[in-house]
Amino acid sequence: MRSLNPDEAQLWAKVTATIRPLSREPLASSASPGQDEPEPAVRPPVRSGTRPAVRPVAPRPAPAQPIAARTLDGSWDRRLKSGAVTPDRVLDLHGLNLDSAWQAIDRGLERAIAAGDRTLLLITGHHRPGDPPIARGRIRAAVHDWLAASRHSANIAAVRGAHRRHGGGGSLYIVLRRR
């Protein structure tokens, strides 16, 4: 560890003069003779024998787990990966703009939940780079955020990529929670 040069030592002395100790014992002065004593930090008076009121800290709510990271039991994941799951409902977003796609997802989730469906196939289309004025893949890019912000997010157990037989990279399985 290197020693401090005179400028750093002076700055460090100013910093340490503003530190409030954890104990109530007065600190011994660290100023060397011949130097001006730094002004003490302003502290509220504390009566001896009493402790300042401690406010309880409210626990922070656990951060919401992203929908894409939610887990299913092993049998569900195996069935989804193998394509053995038959979707209860299919929602195709081809030809829709961002606003109408969001509304279609919201309505589709509402109907699926009301009907007691368990698996929804959401067809978003593959991301294909395109030149302006046509922006491609915007729905696919936004769908995970939409699902997380949806009023139905508490009813979504997981979101997984679809099997090739159901559209592969252009589709998603939305697995709904049991009621």
N, C-alpha and C. Protein backbone atom coordinates (compact mmCIF):
# COMPACT_ATOMS: atom_id res chain seq x y z
N MET A 1 0.85 -1.17 0.00
CA MET A 1 0.00 0.00 0.00
C MET A 1 0.90 1.23 0.00
N ARG A 2 0.61 2.21 -0.80
CA ARG A 2 1.45 3.40 -0.88
C ARG A 2 1.01 4.41 0.16
N SER A 3 1.89 5.30 0.53
CA SER A 3 1.54 6.36 1.48
C SER A 3 0.95 7.53 0.70
N LEU A 4 0.21 8.36 1.41
CA LEU A 4 -0.45 9.51 0.79
C LEU A 4 0.53 10.66 0.64
N ASN A 5 0.42 11.39 -0.46
CA ASN A 5 1.23 12.60 -0.59
C ASN A 5 0.59 13.69 0.26
N PRO A 6 1.25 14.83 0.50
CA PRO A 6 0.71 15.85 1.40
C PRO A 6 -0.69 16.36 1.01
N ASP A 7 -0.94 16.54 -0.28
CA ASP A 7 -2.27 17.02 -0.71
C ASP A 7 -3.35 15.98 -0.40
N GLU A 8 -3.06 14.71 -0.68
CA GLU A 8 -4.01 13.64 -0.39
C GLU A 8 -4.24 13.50 1.12
N ALA A 9 -3.17 13.66 1.91
CA ALA A 9 -3.30 13.55 3.36
C ALA A 9 -4.18 14.67 3.91
N GLN A 10 -4.03 15.87 3.36
CA GLN A 10 -4.86 17.00 3.81
C GLN A 10 -6.33 16.75 3.44
N LEU A 11 -6.55 16.28 2.23
CA LEU A 11 -7.92 15.99 1.80
C LEU A 11 -8.51 14.87 2.65
N TRP A 12 -7.73 13.83 2.95
CA TRP A 12 -8.21 12.73 3.76
C TRP A 12 -8.56 13.20 5.17
N ALA A 13 -7.78 14.11 5.72
CA ALA A 13 -8.07 14.65 7.05
C ALA A 13 -9.41 15.39 7.05
N LYS A 14 -9.70 16.11 5.98
CA LYS A 14 -11.00 16.82 5.89
C LYS A 14 -12.15 15.81 5.82
N VAL A 15 -11.94 14.74 5.06
CA VAL A 15 -12.99 13.73 4.92
C VAL A 15 -13.24 13.03 6.25
N THR A 16 -12.19 12.63 6.93
CA THR A 16 -12.36 11.90 8.18
C THR A 16 -12.94 12.77 9.28
N ALA A 17 -12.79 14.08 9.17
CA ALA A 17 -13.36 14.98 10.17
C ALA A 17 -14.88 15.02 10.07
N THR A 18 -15.43 14.65 8.94
CA THR A 18 -16.89 14.70 8.76
C THR A 18 -17.56 13.37 9.05
N ILE A 19 -16.80 12.36 9.39
CA ILE A 19 -17.37 11.04 9.63
C ILE A 19 -18.00 10.99 11.01
N ARG A 20 -19.20 10.46 11.09
CA ARG A 20 -19.88 10.29 12.37
C ARG A 20 -19.59 8.89 12.89
N PRO A 21 -19.00 8.77 14.07
CA PRO A 21 -18.63 7.44 14.56
C PRO A 21 -19.85 6.61 14.91
N LEU A 22 -19.69 5.28 14.85
CA LEU A 22 -20.78 4.38 15.20
C LEU A 22 -21.01 4.35 16.71
N SER A 23 -19.96 4.47 17.49
CA SER A 23 -20.13 4.46 18.94
C SER A 23 -20.30 5.88 19.44
N ARG A 24 -20.74 6.02 20.66
CA ARG A 24 -20.96 7.34 21.24
C ARG A 24 -19.72 7.85 21.98
N GLU A 25 -18.66 7.06 21.99
CA GLU A 25 -17.41 7.46 22.64
C GLU A 25 -16.77 8.56 21.80
N PRO A 26 -16.28 9.62 22.44
CA PRO A 26 -15.61 10.68 21.66
C PRO A 26 -14.30 10.15 21.09
N LEU A 27 -13.99 10.58 19.90
CA LEU A 27 -12.77 10.17 19.24
C LEU A 27 -11.62 11.04 19.70
N ALA A 28 -10.45 10.47 19.77
CA ALA A 28 -9.25 11.25 20.08
C ALA A 28 -8.94 12.10 18.87
N SER A 29 -8.47 13.31 19.11
CA SER A 29 -8.17 14.22 18.02
C SER A 29 -7.00 13.67 17.22
N SER A 30 -7.13 13.65 15.91
CA SER A 30 -6.07 13.14 15.05
C SER A 30 -5.22 14.27 14.49
N ALA A 31 -5.52 15.51 14.87
CA ALA A 31 -4.77 16.64 14.34
C ALA A 31 -3.42 16.70 15.04
N SER A 32 -2.39 16.94 14.27
CA SER A 32 -1.06 17.05 14.85
C SER A 32 -0.86 18.46 15.39
N PRO A 33 0.03 18.66 16.35
CA PRO A 33 0.25 19.98 16.90
C PRO A 33 0.70 20.94 15.81
N GLY A 34 0.22 22.16 15.90
CA GLY A 34 0.59 23.18 14.93
C GLY A 34 -0.40 23.29 13.78
N GLN A 35 -1.30 22.31 13.62
CA GLN A 35 -2.31 22.39 12.56
C GLN A 35 -3.61 22.87 13.17
N ASP A 36 -4.37 23.55 12.35
CA ASP A 36 -5.69 24.00 12.82
C ASP A 36 -6.58 22.77 12.95
N GLU A 37 -7.35 22.74 14.02
CA GLU A 37 -8.29 21.64 14.22
C GLU A 37 -9.46 21.83 13.25
N PRO A 38 -9.87 20.77 12.57
CA PRO A 38 -11.03 20.91 11.69
C PRO A 38 -12.29 21.11 12.51
N GLU A 39 -13.24 21.80 11.92
CA GLU A 39 -14.50 22.03 12.61
C GLU A 39 -15.24 20.71 12.71
N PRO A 40 -15.80 20.42 13.89
CA PRO A 40 -16.52 19.15 14.03
C PRO A 40 -17.82 19.19 13.22
N ALA A 41 -18.25 18.03 12.81
CA ALA A 41 -19.51 17.94 12.06
C ALA A 41 -20.66 18.26 13.01
N VAL A 42 -21.68 18.90 12.49
CA VAL A 42 -22.84 19.26 13.31
C VAL A 42 -23.66 18.00 13.53
N ARG A 43 -23.91 17.71 14.81
CA ARG A 43 -24.69 16.52 15.16
C ARG A 43 -25.80 16.94 16.11
N PRO A 44 -26.93 16.28 16.06
CA PRO A 44 -27.97 16.59 17.02
C PRO A 44 -27.53 16.13 18.40
N PRO A 45 -27.90 16.87 19.44
CA PRO A 45 -27.49 16.44 20.78
C PRO A 45 -28.15 15.13 21.16
N VAL A 46 -27.38 14.27 21.84
CA VAL A 46 -27.87 12.98 22.30
C VAL A 46 -27.74 12.94 23.81
N ARG A 47 -28.88 12.69 24.48
CA ARG A 47 -28.84 12.59 25.94
C ARG A 47 -28.21 11.26 26.30
N SER A 48 -27.41 11.28 27.35
CA SER A 48 -26.76 10.05 27.75
C SER A 48 -27.81 9.08 28.30
N GLY A 49 -27.61 7.81 28.02
CA GLY A 49 -28.53 6.78 28.51
C GLY A 49 -29.72 6.54 27.60
N THR A 50 -29.89 7.34 26.56
CA THR A 50 -31.01 7.13 25.64
C THR A 50 -30.45 6.78 24.28
N ARG A 51 -31.24 6.07 23.55
CA ARG A 51 -30.85 5.73 22.19
C ARG A 51 -31.78 6.45 21.24
N PRO A 52 -31.26 6.91 20.13
CA PRO A 52 -32.14 7.56 19.17
C PRO A 52 -33.15 6.56 18.62
N ALA A 53 -34.31 7.08 18.27
CA ALA A 53 -35.37 6.22 17.74
C ALA A 53 -34.92 5.62 16.43
N VAL A 54 -35.13 4.34 16.28
CA VAL A 54 -34.78 3.65 15.06
C VAL A 54 -36.06 3.34 14.31
N ARG A 55 -36.12 3.81 13.10
CA ARG A 55 -37.30 3.56 12.28
C ARG A 55 -37.15 2.21 11.61
N PRO A 56 -38.17 1.38 11.69
CA PRO A 56 -38.06 0.09 11.01
C PRO A 56 -38.06 0.30 9.50
N VAL A 57 -37.25 -0.46 8.84
CA VAL A 57 -37.14 -0.37 7.39
C VAL A 57 -38.13 -1.35 6.79
N ALA A 58 -38.98 -0.84 5.93
CA ALA A 58 -39.96 -1.71 5.27
C ALA A 58 -39.23 -2.60 4.29
N PRO A 59 -39.52 -3.89 4.28
CA PRO A 59 -38.83 -4.78 3.34
C PRO A 59 -39.23 -4.44 1.92
N ARG A 60 -38.26 -4.51 1.05
CA ARG A 60 -38.54 -4.25 -0.36
C ARG A 60 -39.25 -5.46 -0.94
N PRO A 61 -40.21 -5.21 -1.81
CA PRO A 61 -40.85 -6.35 -2.45
C PRO A 61 -39.84 -7.04 -3.37
N ALA A 62 -39.97 -8.34 -3.47
CA ALA A 62 -39.07 -9.09 -4.33
C ALA A 62 -39.27 -8.63 -5.77
N PRO A 63 -38.18 -8.46 -6.52
CA PRO A 63 -38.35 -8.03 -7.91
C PRO A 63 -39.13 -9.07 -8.69
N ALA A 64 -40.01 -8.58 -9.53
CA ALA A 64 -40.83 -9.50 -10.32
C ALA A 64 -39.94 -10.28 -11.27
N GLN A 65 -40.16 -11.56 -11.34
CA GLN A 65 -39.37 -12.40 -12.22
C GLN A 65 -39.87 -12.22 -13.64
N PRO A 66 -38.97 -11.98 -14.59
CA PRO A 66 -39.42 -11.83 -15.97
C PRO A 66 -40.18 -13.08 -16.42
N ILE A 67 -41.18 -12.87 -17.23
CA ILE A 67 -42.03 -13.98 -17.67
C ILE A 67 -41.20 -15.03 -18.41
N ALA A 68 -40.24 -14.59 -19.20
CA ALA A 68 -39.43 -15.54 -19.96
C ALA A 68 -38.57 -16.42 -19.05
N ALA A 69 -38.31 -15.97 -17.82
CA ALA A 69 -37.46 -16.73 -16.90
C ALA A 69 -38.27 -17.62 -15.96
N ARG A 70 -39.58 -17.52 -15.99
CA ARG A 70 -40.40 -18.34 -15.09
C ARG A 70 -40.24 -19.81 -15.46
N THR A 71 -40.26 -20.64 -14.46
CA THR A 71 -40.00 -22.05 -14.70
C THR A 71 -41.29 -22.87 -14.67
N LEU A 72 -41.22 -23.96 -15.38
CA LEU A 72 -42.28 -24.96 -15.39
C LEU A 72 -41.68 -26.25 -14.87
N ASP A 73 -42.52 -27.22 -14.57
CA ASP A 73 -41.93 -28.50 -14.18
C ASP A 73 -41.31 -29.16 -15.42
N GLY A 74 -40.45 -30.11 -15.18
CA GLY A 74 -39.68 -30.73 -16.26
C GLY A 74 -40.52 -31.34 -17.36
N SER A 75 -41.67 -31.93 -16.98
CA SER A 75 -42.49 -32.58 -18.01
C SER A 75 -43.07 -31.56 -18.98
N TRP A 76 -43.45 -30.38 -18.49
CA TRP A 76 -43.97 -29.34 -19.38
C TRP A 76 -42.88 -28.89 -20.36
N ASP A 77 -41.71 -28.61 -19.83
CA ASP A 77 -40.63 -28.16 -20.72
C ASP A 77 -40.28 -29.21 -21.76
N ARG A 78 -40.24 -30.48 -21.37
CA ARG A 78 -39.94 -31.55 -22.34
C ARG A 78 -41.03 -31.63 -23.42
N ARG A 79 -42.27 -31.53 -23.01
CA ARG A 79 -43.37 -31.60 -23.98
C ARG A 79 -43.36 -30.42 -24.94
N LEU A 80 -43.03 -29.22 -24.41
CA LEU A 80 -42.97 -28.05 -25.27
C LEU A 80 -41.81 -28.15 -26.26
N LYS A 81 -40.65 -28.59 -25.79
CA LYS A 81 -39.48 -28.71 -26.67
C LYS A 81 -39.68 -29.76 -27.75
N SER A 82 -40.41 -30.82 -27.43
CA SER A 82 -40.61 -31.88 -28.42
C SER A 82 -41.77 -31.59 -29.36
N GLY A 83 -42.56 -30.56 -29.08
CA GLY A 83 -43.71 -30.24 -29.92
C GLY A 83 -44.91 -31.11 -29.64
N ALA A 84 -44.91 -31.82 -28.50
CA ALA A 84 -46.01 -32.73 -28.17
C ALA A 84 -47.24 -31.99 -27.64
N VAL A 85 -47.11 -30.72 -27.36
CA VAL A 85 -48.24 -29.95 -26.84
C VAL A 85 -49.07 -29.42 -28.00
N THR A 86 -50.36 -29.60 -27.90
CA THR A 86 -51.28 -29.03 -28.89
C THR A 86 -51.86 -27.76 -28.28
N PRO A 87 -51.61 -26.61 -28.90
CA PRO A 87 -52.12 -25.36 -28.33
C PRO A 87 -53.64 -25.35 -28.27
N ASP A 88 -54.18 -24.81 -27.17
CA ASP A 88 -55.63 -24.69 -27.03
C ASP A 88 -56.18 -23.56 -27.87
N ARG A 89 -55.36 -22.59 -28.14
CA ARG A 89 -55.79 -21.41 -28.88
C ARG A 89 -54.61 -20.89 -29.68
N VAL A 90 -54.84 -20.34 -30.88
CA VAL A 90 -53.79 -19.79 -31.73
C VAL A 90 -54.13 -18.32 -31.98
N LEU A 91 -53.12 -17.48 -31.80
CA LEU A 91 -53.29 -16.05 -32.03
C LEU A 91 -52.23 -15.62 -33.04
N ASP A 92 -52.66 -15.26 -34.25
CA ASP A 92 -51.75 -14.89 -35.34
C ASP A 92 -51.71 -13.37 -35.46
N LEU A 93 -50.52 -12.80 -35.36
CA LEU A 93 -50.36 -11.34 -35.40
C LEU A 93 -49.87 -10.84 -36.76
N HIS A 94 -49.81 -11.71 -37.76
CA HIS A 94 -49.37 -11.27 -39.08
C HIS A 94 -50.29 -10.18 -39.62
N GLY A 95 -49.70 -9.17 -40.22
CA GLY A 95 -50.47 -8.10 -40.85
C GLY A 95 -50.97 -7.05 -39.89
N LEU A 96 -50.64 -7.14 -38.60
CA LEU A 96 -51.12 -6.15 -37.64
C LEU A 96 -50.02 -5.13 -37.34
N ASN A 97 -50.44 -3.91 -37.02
CA ASN A 97 -49.45 -2.93 -36.57
C ASN A 97 -49.27 -3.08 -35.07
N LEU A 98 -48.39 -2.28 -34.47
CA LEU A 98 -48.07 -2.45 -33.05
C LEU A 98 -49.30 -2.28 -32.15
N ASP A 99 -50.11 -1.26 -32.40
CA ASP A 99 -51.27 -1.02 -31.55
C ASP A 99 -52.30 -2.14 -31.66
N SER A 100 -52.61 -2.55 -32.88
CA SER A 100 -53.61 -3.60 -33.03
C SER A 100 -53.07 -4.95 -32.55
N ALA A 101 -51.76 -5.18 -32.64
CA ALA A 101 -51.18 -6.42 -32.12
C ALA A 101 -51.30 -6.46 -30.61
N TRP A 102 -51.03 -5.34 -29.95
CA TRP A 102 -51.16 -5.28 -28.48
C TRP A 102 -52.61 -5.56 -28.07
N GLN A 103 -53.56 -4.96 -28.77
CA GLN A 103 -54.97 -5.18 -28.45
C GLN A 103 -55.37 -6.63 -28.71
N ALA A 104 -54.85 -7.22 -29.79
CA ALA A 104 -55.16 -8.62 -30.10
C ALA A 104 -54.61 -9.55 -29.03
N ILE A 105 -53.40 -9.27 -28.54
CA ILE A 105 -52.81 -10.10 -27.48
C ILE A 105 -53.66 -9.98 -26.21
N ASP A 106 -54.03 -8.77 -25.86
CA ASP A 106 -54.83 -8.55 -24.65
C ASP A 106 -56.17 -9.28 -24.73
N ARG A 107 -56.87 -9.12 -25.86
CA ARG A 107 -58.16 -9.81 -26.04
C ARG A 107 -57.98 -11.32 -26.08
N GLY A 108 -56.94 -11.79 -26.77
CA GLY A 108 -56.70 -13.23 -26.86
C GLY A 108 -56.40 -13.85 -25.50
N LEU A 109 -55.61 -13.16 -24.68
CA LEU A 109 -55.32 -13.65 -23.33
C LEU A 109 -56.58 -13.66 -22.48
N GLU A 110 -57.38 -12.60 -22.61
CA GLU A 110 -58.62 -12.53 -21.84
C GLU A 110 -59.56 -13.69 -22.19
N ARG A 111 -59.70 -13.97 -23.47
CA ARG A 111 -60.58 -15.07 -23.90
C ARG A 111 -60.02 -16.42 -23.48
N ALA A 112 -58.71 -16.60 -23.59
CA ALA A 112 -58.09 -17.87 -23.22
C ALA A 112 -58.24 -18.14 -21.73
N ILE A 113 -58.06 -17.11 -20.92
CA ILE A 113 -58.20 -17.26 -19.47
C ILE A 113 -59.65 -17.57 -19.11
N ALA A 114 -60.59 -16.85 -19.75
CA ALA A 114 -62.01 -17.08 -19.47
C ALA A 114 -62.44 -18.49 -19.88
N ALA A 115 -61.86 -19.01 -20.95
CA ALA A 115 -62.24 -20.33 -21.44
C ALA A 115 -61.51 -21.45 -20.69
N GLY A 116 -60.53 -21.09 -19.86
CA GLY A 116 -59.78 -22.11 -19.12
C GLY A 116 -58.70 -22.77 -19.95
N ASP A 117 -58.28 -22.13 -21.05
CA ASP A 117 -57.22 -22.69 -21.89
C ASP A 117 -55.90 -22.70 -21.11
N ARG A 118 -55.05 -23.62 -21.47
CA ARG A 118 -53.76 -23.74 -20.77
C ARG A 118 -52.60 -23.28 -21.63
N THR A 119 -52.67 -23.50 -22.96
CA THR A 119 -51.56 -23.16 -23.84
C THR A 119 -52.08 -22.33 -25.01
N LEU A 120 -51.39 -21.21 -25.23
CA LEU A 120 -51.74 -20.31 -26.32
C LEU A 120 -50.54 -20.23 -27.25
N LEU A 121 -50.74 -20.40 -28.55
CA LEU A 121 -49.67 -20.26 -29.52
C LEU A 121 -49.77 -18.85 -30.10
N LEU A 122 -48.73 -18.07 -29.89
CA LEU A 122 -48.70 -16.69 -30.36
C LEU A 122 -47.76 -16.64 -31.56
N ILE A 123 -48.32 -16.37 -32.73
CA ILE A 123 -47.52 -16.31 -33.96
C ILE A 123 -47.18 -14.85 -34.22
N THR A 124 -45.90 -14.54 -34.07
CA THR A 124 -45.43 -13.16 -34.24
C THR A 124 -44.76 -12.96 -35.58
N GLY A 125 -44.24 -14.00 -36.16
CA GLY A 125 -43.48 -13.90 -37.40
C GLY A 125 -41.99 -13.80 -37.08
N HIS A 126 -41.19 -14.27 -37.99
CA HIS A 126 -39.74 -14.23 -37.83
C HIS A 126 -39.24 -12.81 -37.99
N HIS A 127 -38.15 -12.52 -37.33
CA HIS A 127 -37.50 -11.22 -37.51
C HIS A 127 -36.72 -11.27 -38.82
N ARG A 128 -37.09 -10.42 -39.74
CA ARG A 128 -36.37 -10.34 -41.01
C ARG A 128 -35.95 -8.88 -41.20
N PRO A 129 -34.66 -8.66 -41.30
CA PRO A 129 -34.21 -7.28 -41.47
C PRO A 129 -34.81 -6.68 -42.73
N GLY A 130 -35.22 -5.46 -42.63
CA GLY A 130 -35.79 -4.77 -43.78
C GLY A 130 -35.35 -3.33 -43.82
N ASP A 131 -35.42 -2.76 -44.97
CA ASP A 131 -35.04 -1.35 -45.13
C ASP A 131 -36.25 -0.47 -44.91
N PRO A 132 -36.03 0.73 -44.37
CA PRO A 132 -37.15 1.68 -44.25
C PRO A 132 -37.78 1.88 -45.60
N PRO A 133 -39.02 2.16 -45.71
CA PRO A 133 -39.94 2.55 -44.66
C PRO A 133 -40.58 1.38 -43.92
N ILE A 134 -40.28 0.15 -44.29
CA ILE A 134 -40.89 -1.00 -43.62
C ILE A 134 -39.97 -1.44 -42.49
N ALA A 135 -40.47 -1.32 -41.28
CA ALA A 135 -39.71 -1.80 -40.12
C ALA A 135 -40.24 -3.17 -39.77
N ARG A 136 -39.38 -4.17 -39.82
CA ARG A 136 -39.82 -5.54 -39.59
C ARG A 136 -39.37 -6.03 -38.22
N GLY A 137 -40.14 -6.92 -37.63
CA GLY A 137 -39.78 -7.55 -36.38
C GLY A 137 -40.06 -6.74 -35.13
N ARG A 138 -40.81 -5.65 -35.27
CA ARG A 138 -41.08 -4.80 -34.11
C ARG A 138 -42.04 -5.48 -33.14
N ILE A 139 -43.00 -6.21 -33.62
CA ILE A 139 -43.93 -6.92 -32.74
C ILE A 139 -43.19 -8.01 -31.99
N ARG A 140 -42.37 -8.77 -32.69
CA ARG A 140 -41.60 -9.84 -32.06
C ARG A 140 -40.69 -9.27 -30.97
N ALA A 141 -40.09 -8.12 -31.23
CA ALA A 141 -39.19 -7.51 -30.26
C ALA A 141 -39.92 -7.00 -29.03
N ALA A 142 -41.18 -6.62 -29.18
CA ALA A 142 -41.92 -6.01 -28.07
C ALA A 142 -42.77 -6.99 -27.29
N VAL A 143 -42.98 -8.19 -27.78
CA VAL A 143 -43.98 -9.07 -27.19
C VAL A 143 -43.65 -9.47 -25.75
N HIS A 144 -42.39 -9.71 -25.41
CA HIS A 144 -42.06 -10.09 -24.02
C HIS A 144 -42.34 -8.94 -23.05
N ASP A 145 -42.02 -7.72 -23.47
CA ASP A 145 -42.34 -6.57 -22.62
C ASP A 145 -43.84 -6.38 -22.48
N TRP A 146 -44.56 -6.59 -23.56
CA TRP A 146 -46.02 -6.46 -23.50
C TRP A 146 -46.61 -7.47 -22.53
N LEU A 147 -46.15 -8.71 -22.62
CA LEU A 147 -46.69 -9.74 -21.74
C LEU A 147 -46.36 -9.45 -20.28
N ALA A 148 -45.18 -8.94 -20.00
CA ALA A 148 -44.80 -8.62 -18.63
C ALA A 148 -45.63 -7.46 -18.08
N ALA A 149 -45.99 -6.51 -18.94
CA ALA A 149 -46.76 -5.35 -18.52
C ALA A 149 -48.26 -5.57 -18.61
N SER A 150 -48.67 -6.68 -19.15
CA SER A 150 -50.08 -6.96 -19.37
C SER A 150 -50.84 -7.09 -18.05
N ARG A 151 -52.13 -6.78 -18.11
CA ARG A 151 -52.98 -6.98 -16.93
C ARG A 151 -53.17 -8.47 -16.65
N HIS A 152 -52.76 -9.31 -17.59
CA HIS A 152 -52.88 -10.75 -17.43
C HIS A 152 -51.56 -11.41 -17.04
N SER A 153 -50.53 -10.63 -16.72
CA SER A 153 -49.21 -11.22 -16.46
C SER A 153 -49.22 -12.18 -15.28
N ALA A 154 -50.08 -11.95 -14.29
CA ALA A 154 -50.15 -12.86 -13.14
C ALA A 154 -50.72 -14.22 -13.54
N ASN A 155 -51.43 -14.29 -14.65
CA ASN A 155 -52.01 -15.55 -15.11
C ASN A 155 -51.09 -16.32 -16.05
N ILE A 156 -49.94 -15.73 -16.40
CA ILE A 156 -49.02 -16.38 -17.32
C ILE A 156 -47.98 -17.15 -16.51
N ALA A 157 -47.93 -18.46 -16.71
CA ALA A 157 -46.96 -19.29 -15.99
C ALA A 157 -45.59 -19.21 -16.66
N ALA A 158 -45.54 -19.19 -17.98
CA ALA A 158 -44.25 -19.14 -18.68
C ALA A 158 -44.48 -18.81 -20.15
N VAL A 159 -43.40 -18.35 -20.78
CA VAL A 159 -43.39 -18.11 -22.22
C VAL A 159 -42.18 -18.86 -22.77
N ARG A 160 -42.40 -19.66 -23.77
CA ARG A 160 -41.33 -20.46 -24.36
C ARG A 160 -41.38 -20.33 -25.88
N GLY A 161 -40.24 -20.54 -26.50
CA GLY A 161 -40.18 -20.58 -27.95
C GLY A 161 -40.92 -21.80 -28.46
N ALA A 162 -41.58 -21.66 -29.60
CA ALA A 162 -42.39 -22.75 -30.14
C ALA A 162 -41.52 -23.76 -30.89
N HIS A 163 -42.04 -24.97 -30.98
CA HIS A 163 -41.41 -26.04 -31.74
C HIS A 163 -41.53 -25.70 -33.23
N ARG A 164 -40.65 -26.31 -34.05
CA ARG A 164 -40.69 -26.07 -35.50
C ARG A 164 -42.05 -26.36 -36.10
N ARG A 165 -42.72 -27.37 -35.60
CA ARG A 165 -44.02 -27.73 -36.16
C ARG A 165 -45.06 -26.63 -35.94
N HIS A 166 -44.83 -25.79 -34.92
CA HIS A 166 -45.76 -24.70 -34.63
C HIS A 166 -45.21 -23.32 -34.99
N GLY A 167 -44.17 -23.26 -35.80
CA GLY A 167 -43.67 -21.98 -36.27
C GLY A 167 -42.26 -21.65 -35.82
N GLY A 168 -41.68 -22.44 -34.93
CA GLY A 168 -40.29 -22.24 -34.52
C GLY A 168 -40.01 -20.85 -34.00
N GLY A 169 -38.99 -20.21 -34.55
CA GLY A 169 -38.56 -18.89 -34.09
C GLY A 169 -39.56 -17.78 -34.33
N GLY A 170 -40.59 -18.02 -35.10
CA GLY A 170 -41.59 -17.00 -35.35
C GLY A 170 -42.81 -17.11 -34.46
N SER A 171 -42.77 -18.04 -33.50
CA SER A 171 -43.92 -18.26 -32.63
C SER A 171 -43.48 -18.49 -31.19
N LEU A 172 -44.41 -18.29 -30.29
CA LEU A 172 -44.16 -18.49 -28.87
C LEU A 172 -45.32 -19.28 -28.27
N TYR A 173 -45.00 -20.12 -27.28
CA TYR A 173 -46.03 -20.74 -26.47
C TYR A 173 -46.20 -19.87 -25.24
N ILE A 174 -47.43 -19.53 -24.92
CA ILE A 174 -47.75 -18.86 -23.66
C ILE A 174 -48.50 -19.88 -22.83
N VAL A 175 -47.90 -20.29 -21.72
CA VAL A 175 -48.51 -21.28 -20.84
C VAL A 175 -49.20 -20.52 -19.71
N LEU A 176 -50.49 -20.73 -19.59
CA LEU A 176 -51.28 -20.03 -18.58
C LEU A 176 -51.35 -20.85 -17.29
N ARG A 177 -51.47 -20.17 -16.19
CA ARG A 177 -51.59 -20.85 -14.89
C ARG A 177 -52.94 -21.55 -14.78
N ARG A 178 -52.95 -22.60 -13.99
CA ARG A 178 -54.23 -23.26 -13.71
C ARG A 178 -55.05 -22.36 -12.82
N ARG A 179 -56.36 -22.46 -12.96
CA ARG A 179 -57.23 -21.66 -12.09
C ARG A 179 -57.52 -22.37 -10.84
